[in-house]
């Protein structure tokens, strides 16, 4: 599994992360709510371990934004020292899939994450939509309005990443890693492919979806949010 741990207590995060890594899971970390939300939006994880009390943005708000603002269904296991029923209900109301009170057994965390990950695979979205742009992930067909758009494999990968993260910004590094892995291309390759993508999904239409954030990366934003 690929797991994101959003936990401001670095000792707890390291202890849990080391345990999961030793059991062949891939682990990423965030130590505040804002960073955790960004990573959860722009990357694909099998499950998220989310602490309730976080600096910058608490776990309830992170989960709510993930579910309501960007419509992302990555399974969330919420961790907290609060064991009151009201706290648990607030977590579930924000969109959490499971709830575990600290202190916890590491093996139980892994078992719960495996259940959540299997559940998440069954409900993985088959189609991405941003504004009038649609991408069917099963047939690899792209349409904007009623017009079909033919994209090459790199264009499809870039579009999937941008649409999955929309409206958040995806950094150049994240896009390059998604398309080429660790074998990074020359510095102009991403720019050229983004230009080609724009010429196909934006140029023929009255509104532009792909936005450049200079010095950072790109985002795909519906016309009414530009």
C-alpha atoms as a PDB file:
ATOM      1  CA  UNK A   1       0.000   0.000   0.000  1.00  0.00           C
ATOM      2  CA  UNK A   2       0.982   3.609  -0.451  1.00  0.00           C
ATOM      3  CA  UNK A   3       0.056   5.415   2.755  1.00  0.00           C
ATOM      4  CA  UNK A   4       0.094   9.079   3.775  1.00  0.00           C
ATOM      5  CA  UNK A   5       0.617   9.778   7.485  1.00  0.00           C
ATOM      6  CA  UNK A   6      -0.548  13.248   8.562  1.00  0.00           C
ATOM      7  CA  UNK A   7       0.624  13.536  12.167  1.00  0.00           C
ATOM      8  CA  UNK A   8       2.342  16.458  13.921  1.00  0.00           C
ATOM      9  CA  UNK A   9       3.931  14.263  16.602  1.00  0.00           C
ATOM     10  CA  UNK A  10       7.069  13.203  14.774  1.00  0.00           C
ATOM     11  CA  UNK A  11       7.819  10.363  17.189  1.00  0.00           C
ATOM     12  CA  UNK A  12       4.397   8.810  16.602  1.00  0.00           C
ATOM     13  CA  UNK A  13       4.676   9.380  12.839  1.00  0.00           C
ATOM     14  CA  UNK A  14       8.148   7.827  12.707  1.00  0.00           C
ATOM     15  CA  UNK A  15       7.155   4.851  14.854  1.00  0.00           C
ATOM     16  CA  UNK A  16       4.117   4.102  12.700  1.00  0.00           C
ATOM     17  CA  UNK A  17       5.943   4.833   9.448  1.00  0.00           C
ATOM     18  CA  UNK A  18       8.891   2.598  10.322  1.00  0.00           C
ATOM     19  CA  UNK A  19       6.535  -0.255  11.201  1.00  0.00           C
ATOM     20  CA  UNK A  20       4.626   0.073   7.922  1.00  0.00           C
ATOM     21  CA  UNK A  21       7.807   0.503   5.847  1.00  0.00           C
ATOM     22  CA  UNK A  22       9.296  -2.637   7.383  1.00  0.00           C
ATOM     23  CA  UNK A  23       6.184  -4.467   6.178  1.00  0.00           C
ATOM     24  CA  UNK A  24       6.782  -3.317   2.589  1.00  0.00           C
ATOM     25  CA  UNK A  25       4.371  -0.393   2.503  1.00  0.00           C
ATOM     26  CA  UNK A  26       5.350   2.936   0.922  1.00  0.00           C
ATOM     27  CA  UNK A  27       4.937   5.807   3.386  1.00  0.00           C
ATOM     28  CA  UNK A  28       4.821   9.585   2.925  1.00  0.00           C
ATOM     29  CA  UNK A  29       4.608  12.103   5.760  1.00  0.00           C
ATOM     30  CA  UNK A  30       3.075  15.491   6.521  1.00  0.00           C
ATOM     31  CA  UNK A  31       3.355  17.253   9.871  1.00  0.00           C
ATOM     32  CA  UNK A  32       0.612  19.868   9.497  1.00  0.00           C
ATOM     33  CA  UNK A  33      -2.872  19.955   8.026  1.00  0.00           C
ATOM     34  CA  UNK A  34      -2.207  22.254   5.076  1.00  0.00           C
ATOM     35  CA  UNK A  35       0.728  20.201   3.775  1.00  0.00           C
ATOM     36  CA  UNK A  36      -1.174  16.988   4.387  1.00  0.00           C
ATOM     37  CA  UNK A  37      -4.185  18.195   2.416  1.00  0.00           C
ATOM     38  CA  UNK A  38      -1.985  19.237  -0.513  1.00  0.00           C
ATOM     39  CA  UNK A  39      -0.226  15.865  -0.623  1.00  0.00           C
ATOM     40  CA  UNK A  40      -3.547  14.033  -0.372  1.00  0.00           C
ATOM     41  CA  UNK A  41      -4.968  16.020  -3.284  1.00  0.00           C
ATOM     42  CA  UNK A  42      -2.093  15.839  -5.761  1.00  0.00           C
ATOM     43  CA  UNK A  43      -1.046  12.219  -5.098  1.00  0.00           C
ATOM     44  CA  UNK A  44      -2.798   8.863  -5.224  1.00  0.00           C
ATOM     45  CA  UNK A  45      -2.676   7.006  -1.908  1.00  0.00           C
ATOM     46  CA  UNK A  46      -4.301   3.733  -0.939  1.00  0.00           C
ATOM     47  CA  UNK A  47      -5.114   5.128   2.512  1.00  0.00           C
ATOM     48  CA  UNK A  48      -4.474   8.121   4.767  1.00  0.00           C
ATOM     49  CA  UNK A  49      -3.706   8.116   8.490  1.00  0.00           C
ATOM     50  CA  UNK A  50      -4.990  11.456   9.758  1.00  0.00           C
ATOM     51  CA  UNK A  51      -4.431  12.930  13.219  1.00  0.00           C
ATOM     52  CA  UNK A  52      -7.296  15.012  14.556  1.00  0.00           C
ATOM     53  CA  UNK A  53      -5.267  17.739  16.303  1.00  0.00           C
ATOM     54  CA  UNK A  54      -2.957  19.319  13.713  1.00  0.00           C
ATOM     55  CA  UNK A  55      -1.337  22.746  13.363  1.00  0.00           C
ATOM     56  CA  UNK A  56      -2.546  24.996  10.543  1.00  0.00           C
ATOM     57  CA  UNK A  57      -5.704  22.991   9.814  1.00  0.00           C
ATOM     58  CA  UNK A  58      -7.171  20.298  12.027  1.00  0.00           C
ATOM     59  CA  UNK A  59      -7.996  16.790  10.844  1.00  0.00           C
ATOM     60  CA  UNK A  60     -11.734  17.464  10.673  1.00  0.00           C
ATOM     61  CA  UNK A  61     -11.190  20.342   8.246  1.00  0.00           C
ATOM     62  CA  UNK A  62      -8.616  18.399   6.203  1.00  0.00           C
ATOM     63  CA  UNK A  63     -11.029  15.512   5.771  1.00  0.00           C
ATOM     64  CA  UNK A  64     -13.984  17.756   5.004  1.00  0.00           C
ATOM     65  CA  UNK A  65     -12.080  19.662   2.314  1.00  0.00           C
ATOM     66  CA  UNK A  66     -10.816  16.415   0.812  1.00  0.00           C
ATOM     67  CA  UNK A  67     -14.360  15.078   0.530  1.00  0.00           C
ATOM     68  CA  UNK A  68     -16.430  18.171  -0.231  1.00  0.00           C
ATOM     69  CA  UNK A  69     -14.087  20.577  -2.023  1.00  0.00           C
ATOM     70  CA  UNK A  70     -12.090  18.222  -4.247  1.00  0.00           C
ATOM     71  CA  UNK A  71     -14.376  15.152  -4.107  1.00  0.00           C
ATOM     72  CA  UNK A  72     -11.515  12.763  -3.372  1.00  0.00           C
ATOM     73  CA  UNK A  73     -12.465   9.405  -1.905  1.00  0.00           C
ATOM     74  CA  UNK A  74      -9.124   8.158  -0.551  1.00  0.00           C
ATOM     75  CA  UNK A  75      -9.922   6.094   2.585  1.00  0.00           C
ATOM     76  CA  UNK A  76      -9.131   7.943   5.827  1.00  0.00           C
ATOM     77  CA  UNK A  77      -8.262   6.411   9.206  1.00  0.00           C
ATOM     78  CA  UNK A  78      -8.521   9.154  11.810  1.00  0.00           C
ATOM     79  CA  UNK A  79      -6.269   8.974  14.883  1.00  0.00           C
ATOM     80  CA  UNK A  80      -6.902  10.965  18.037  1.00  0.00           C
ATOM     81  CA  UNK A  81      -6.446  11.030  21.786  1.00  0.00           C
ATOM     82  CA  UNK A  82     -10.091  12.115  22.110  1.00  0.00           C
ATOM     83  CA  UNK A  83     -12.352   9.191  22.954  1.00  0.00           C
ATOM     84  CA  UNK A  84     -15.680  10.968  23.401  1.00  0.00           C
ATOM     85  CA  UNK A  85     -18.565   9.866  21.196  1.00  0.00           C
ATOM     86  CA  UNK A  86     -19.075  13.444  19.974  1.00  0.00           C
ATOM     87  CA  UNK A  87     -15.494  13.554  18.680  1.00  0.00           C
ATOM     88  CA  UNK A  88     -15.932  10.276  16.834  1.00  0.00           C
ATOM     89  CA  UNK A  89     -19.199  11.402  15.290  1.00  0.00           C
ATOM     90  CA  UNK A  90     -17.566  14.656  14.156  1.00  0.00           C
ATOM     91  CA  UNK A  91     -14.818  12.640  12.480  1.00  0.00           C
ATOM     92  CA  UNK A  92     -17.274  10.416  10.634  1.00  0.00           C
ATOM     93  CA  UNK A  93     -19.393  13.420   9.679  1.00  0.00           C
ATOM     94  CA  UNK A  94     -16.356  15.051   8.054  1.00  0.00           C
ATOM     95  CA  UNK A  95     -15.885  11.984   5.841  1.00  0.00           C
ATOM     96  CA  UNK A  96     -13.509   9.725   7.815  1.00  0.00           C
ATOM     97  CA  UNK A  97     -13.894   5.997   7.110  1.00  0.00           C
ATOM     98  CA  UNK A  98     -12.556   4.678  10.410  1.00  0.00           C
ATOM     99  CA  UNK A  99     -11.516   6.000  13.818  1.00  0.00           C
ATOM    100  CA  UNK A 100      -8.828   4.807  16.230  1.00  0.00           C
ATOM    101  CA  UNK A 101      -8.066   6.220  19.672  1.00  0.00           C
ATOM    102  CA  UNK A 102      -4.478   6.685  20.890  1.00  0.00           C
ATOM    103  CA  UNK A 103      -2.582   4.771  22.189  1.00  0.00           C
ATOM    104  CA  UNK A 104      -3.006   2.123  19.523  1.00  0.00           C
ATOM    105  CA  UNK A 105      -1.418  -1.161  18.475  1.00  0.00           C
ATOM    106  CA  UNK A 106       0.619  -0.857  15.276  1.00  0.00           C
ATOM    107  CA  UNK A 107      -0.670  -4.160  13.933  1.00  0.00           C
ATOM    108  CA  UNK A 108      -4.247  -2.967  14.356  1.00  0.00           C
ATOM    109  CA  UNK A 109      -3.490   0.211  12.400  1.00  0.00           C
ATOM    110  CA  UNK A 110      -2.085  -1.865   9.540  1.00  0.00           C
ATOM    111  CA  UNK A 111      -5.059  -4.244   9.592  1.00  0.00           C
ATOM    112  CA  UNK A 112      -7.539  -1.382   9.455  1.00  0.00           C
ATOM    113  CA  UNK A 113      -5.619   0.322   6.649  1.00  0.00           C
ATOM    114  CA  UNK A 114      -5.638  -2.882   4.593  1.00  0.00           C
ATOM    115  CA  UNK A 115      -9.412  -3.155   4.958  1.00  0.00           C
ATOM    116  CA  UNK A 116      -9.874   0.492   3.997  1.00  0.00           C
ATOM    117  CA  UNK A 117      -7.544   0.168   1.001  1.00  0.00           C
ATOM    118  CA  UNK A 118      -9.474  -2.820  -0.346  1.00  0.00           C
ATOM    119  CA  UNK A 119     -12.714  -0.921   0.097  1.00  0.00           C
ATOM    120  CA  UNK A 120     -11.237   2.107  -1.661  1.00  0.00           C
ATOM    121  CA  UNK A 121     -10.195   0.014  -4.670  1.00  0.00           C
ATOM    122  CA  UNK A 122     -13.782  -1.116  -5.147  1.00  0.00           C
ATOM    123  CA  UNK A 123     -15.078   2.461  -5.315  1.00  0.00           C
ATOM    124  CA  UNK A 124     -12.274   3.962  -7.402  1.00  0.00           C
ATOM    125  CA  UNK A 125     -13.805   6.542  -9.772  1.00  0.00           C
ATOM    126  CA  UNK A 126     -14.046   5.492 -13.405  1.00  0.00           C
ATOM    127  CA  UNK A 127     -14.380   8.984 -14.791  1.00  0.00           C
ATOM    128  CA  UNK A 128     -12.861  12.376 -14.010  1.00  0.00           C
ATOM    129  CA  UNK A 129     -14.776  15.578 -14.690  1.00  0.00           C
ATOM    130  CA  UNK A 130     -13.685  19.206 -14.454  1.00  0.00           C
ATOM    131  CA  UNK A 131     -16.141  21.673 -15.933  1.00  0.00           C
ATOM    132  CA  UNK A 132     -17.112  20.359 -19.368  1.00  0.00           C
ATOM    133  CA  UNK A 133     -13.956  18.226 -19.629  1.00  0.00           C
ATOM    134  CA  UNK A 134     -14.407  14.468 -19.118  1.00  0.00           C
ATOM    135  CA  UNK A 135     -11.842  11.666 -18.974  1.00  0.00           C
ATOM    136  CA  UNK A 136     -12.986   8.036 -18.860  1.00  0.00           C
ATOM    137  CA  UNK A 137     -10.254   6.084 -17.066  1.00  0.00           C
ATOM    138  CA  UNK A 138     -11.407   2.733 -18.403  1.00  0.00           C
ATOM    139  CA  UNK A 139     -11.625   3.557 -22.110  1.00  0.00           C
ATOM    140  CA  UNK A 140      -8.978   6.339 -22.065  1.00  0.00           C
ATOM    141  CA  UNK A 141     -11.359   8.621 -23.935  1.00  0.00           C
ATOM    142  CA  UNK A 142     -11.332  12.377 -23.401  1.00  0.00           C
ATOM    143  CA  UNK A 143     -14.139  14.749 -24.337  1.00  0.00           C
ATOM    144  CA  UNK A 144     -14.727  18.432 -23.881  1.00  0.00           C
ATOM    145  CA  UNK A 145     -18.374  19.159 -24.356  1.00  0.00           C
ATOM    146  CA  UNK A 146     -19.457  16.978 -27.272  1.00  0.00           C
ATOM    147  CA  UNK A 147     -16.025  16.950 -28.941  1.00  0.00           C
ATOM    148  CA  UNK A 148     -13.714  13.956 -28.576  1.00  0.00           C
ATOM    149  CA  UNK A 149     -10.027  14.763 -28.002  1.00  0.00           C
ATOM    150  CA  UNK A 150      -7.216  12.393 -28.944  1.00  0.00           C
ATOM    151  CA  UNK A 151      -4.234  12.467 -26.581  1.00  0.00           C
ATOM    152  CA  UNK A 152      -0.980  10.516 -26.589  1.00  0.00           C
ATOM    153  CA  UNK A 153       0.013   8.454 -23.487  1.00  0.00           C
ATOM    154  CA  UNK A 154       1.985  11.318 -21.923  1.00  0.00           C
ATOM    155  CA  UNK A 155      -0.895  13.725 -22.462  1.00  0.00           C
ATOM    156  CA  UNK A 156      -3.264  11.257 -20.805  1.00  0.00           C
ATOM    157  CA  UNK A 157      -0.966  10.899 -17.785  1.00  0.00           C
ATOM    158  CA  UNK A 158      -0.630  14.662 -17.391  1.00  0.00           C
ATOM    159  CA  UNK A 159      -4.360  15.160 -17.751  1.00  0.00           C
ATOM    160  CA  UNK A 160      -5.168  12.465 -15.189  1.00  0.00           C
ATOM    161  CA  UNK A 161      -2.836  14.052 -12.641  1.00  0.00           C
ATOM    162  CA  UNK A 162      -4.166  17.565 -13.201  1.00  0.00           C
ATOM    163  CA  UNK A 163      -7.826  16.501 -13.183  1.00  0.00           C
ATOM    164  CA  UNK A 164      -7.411  14.331 -10.071  1.00  0.00           C
ATOM    165  CA  UNK A 165      -5.855  17.254  -8.196  1.00  0.00           C
ATOM    166  CA  UNK A 166      -8.131  19.983  -9.586  1.00  0.00           C
ATOM    167  CA  UNK A 167      -8.307  22.777  -8.595  1.00  0.00           C
ATOM    168  CA  UNK A 168      -5.082  22.405  -6.585  1.00  0.00           C
ATOM    169  CA  UNK A 169      -1.688  23.218  -8.062  1.00  0.00           C
ATOM    170  CA  UNK A 170       0.514  20.276  -9.054  1.00  0.00           C
ATOM    171  CA  UNK A 171       4.223  21.091  -8.940  1.00  0.00           C
ATOM    172  CA  UNK A 172       6.507  20.523 -11.908  1.00  0.00           C
ATOM    173  CA  UNK A 173       8.370  17.854  -9.927  1.00  0.00           C
ATOM    174  CA  UNK A 174       5.173  15.979  -9.122  1.00  0.00           C
ATOM    175  CA  UNK A 175       4.071  16.005 -12.756  1.00  0.00           C
ATOM    176  CA  UNK A 176       7.473  14.855 -13.988  1.00  0.00           C
ATOM    177  CA  UNK A 177       7.571  12.036 -11.439  1.00  0.00           C
ATOM    178  CA  UNK A 178       4.052  10.933 -12.369  1.00  0.00           C
ATOM    179  CA  UNK A 179       4.907  10.707 -16.082  1.00  0.00           C
ATOM    180  CA  UNK A 180       8.558   9.644 -16.130  1.00  0.00           C
ATOM    181  CA  UNK A 181       9.260   8.262 -12.651  1.00  0.00           C
ATOM    182  CA  UNK A 182      12.874   8.672 -11.570  1.00  0.00           C
ATOM    183  CA  UNK A 183      14.144   8.884 -15.173  1.00  0.00           C
ATOM    184  CA  UNK A 184      13.546  12.612 -15.477  1.00  0.00           C
ATOM    185  CA  UNK A 185      13.596  14.199 -18.953  1.00  0.00           C
ATOM    186  CA  UNK A 186      15.381  17.374 -19.985  1.00  0.00           C
ATOM    187  CA  UNK A 187      14.109  20.624 -18.517  1.00  0.00           C
ATOM    188  CA  UNK A 188      11.939  21.589 -21.507  1.00  0.00           C
ATOM    189  CA  UNK A 189      10.054  18.314 -21.952  1.00  0.00           C
ATOM    190  CA  UNK A 190       7.286  19.028 -19.454  1.00  0.00           C
ATOM    191  CA  UNK A 191       6.727  22.521 -20.842  1.00  0.00           C
ATOM    192  CA  UNK A 192       6.461  21.153 -24.390  1.00  0.00           C
ATOM    193  CA  UNK A 193       3.935  18.494 -23.384  1.00  0.00           C
ATOM    194  CA  UNK A 194       1.860  20.985 -21.390  1.00  0.00           C
ATOM    195  CA  UNK A 195       1.846  23.272 -24.451  1.00  0.00           C
ATOM    196  CA  UNK A 196       0.600  20.364 -26.595  1.00  0.00           C
ATOM    197  CA  UNK A 197      -2.067  19.507 -24.021  1.00  0.00           C
ATOM    198  CA  UNK A 198      -3.244  23.115 -23.969  1.00  0.00           C
ATOM    199  CA  UNK A 199      -3.464  23.220 -27.762  1.00  0.00           C
ATOM    200  CA  UNK A 200      -5.841  20.241 -27.669  1.00  0.00           C
ATOM    201  CA  UNK A 201      -8.099  20.804 -24.654  1.00  0.00           C
ATOM    202  CA  UNK A 202      -8.027  24.614 -24.386  1.00  0.00           C
ATOM    203  CA  UNK A 203      -7.204  26.363 -27.653  1.00  0.00           C
ATOM    204  CA  UNK A 204     -10.248  25.212 -29.680  1.00  0.00           C
ATOM    205  CA  UNK A 205     -12.634  26.270 -26.917  1.00  0.00           C
ATOM    206  CA  UNK A 206     -13.786  29.590 -25.505  1.00  0.00           C
ATOM    207  CA  UNK A 207     -12.369  29.101 -22.007  1.00  0.00           C
ATOM    208  CA  UNK A 208      -8.990  27.854 -20.787  1.00  0.00           C
ATOM    209  CA  UNK A 209      -8.792  25.238 -18.050  1.00  0.00           C
ATOM    210  CA  UNK A 210      -5.014  24.801 -17.638  1.00  0.00           C
ATOM    211  CA  UNK A 211      -3.468  27.565 -15.569  1.00  0.00           C
ATOM    212  CA  UNK A 212       0.250  28.204 -14.997  1.00  0.00           C
ATOM    213  CA  UNK A 213       1.499  29.076 -11.524  1.00  0.00           C
ATOM    214  CA  UNK A 214       4.891  30.535 -12.384  1.00  0.00           C
ATOM    215  CA  UNK A 215       7.777  29.012 -10.470  1.00  0.00           C
ATOM    216  CA  UNK A 216       5.508  26.325  -8.989  1.00  0.00           C
ATOM    217  CA  UNK A 217       3.587  24.236 -11.501  1.00  0.00           C
ATOM    218  CA  UNK A 218       0.178  23.929 -13.151  1.00  0.00           C
ATOM    219  CA  UNK A 219      -3.442  23.486 -12.205  1.00  0.00           C
ATOM    220  CA  UNK A 220      -6.660  22.663 -14.028  1.00  0.00           C
ATOM    221  CA  UNK A 221      -9.455  24.970 -12.926  1.00  0.00           C
ATOM    222  CA  UNK A 222     -13.123  25.046 -14.035  1.00  0.00           C
ATOM    223  CA  UNK A 223     -14.039  28.269 -15.899  1.00  0.00           C
ATOM    224  CA  UNK A 224     -16.299  29.523 -13.105  1.00  0.00           C
ATOM    225  CA  UNK A 225     -13.411  29.336 -10.597  1.00  0.00           C
ATOM    226  CA  UNK A 226     -10.726  31.072 -12.653  1.00  0.00           C
END
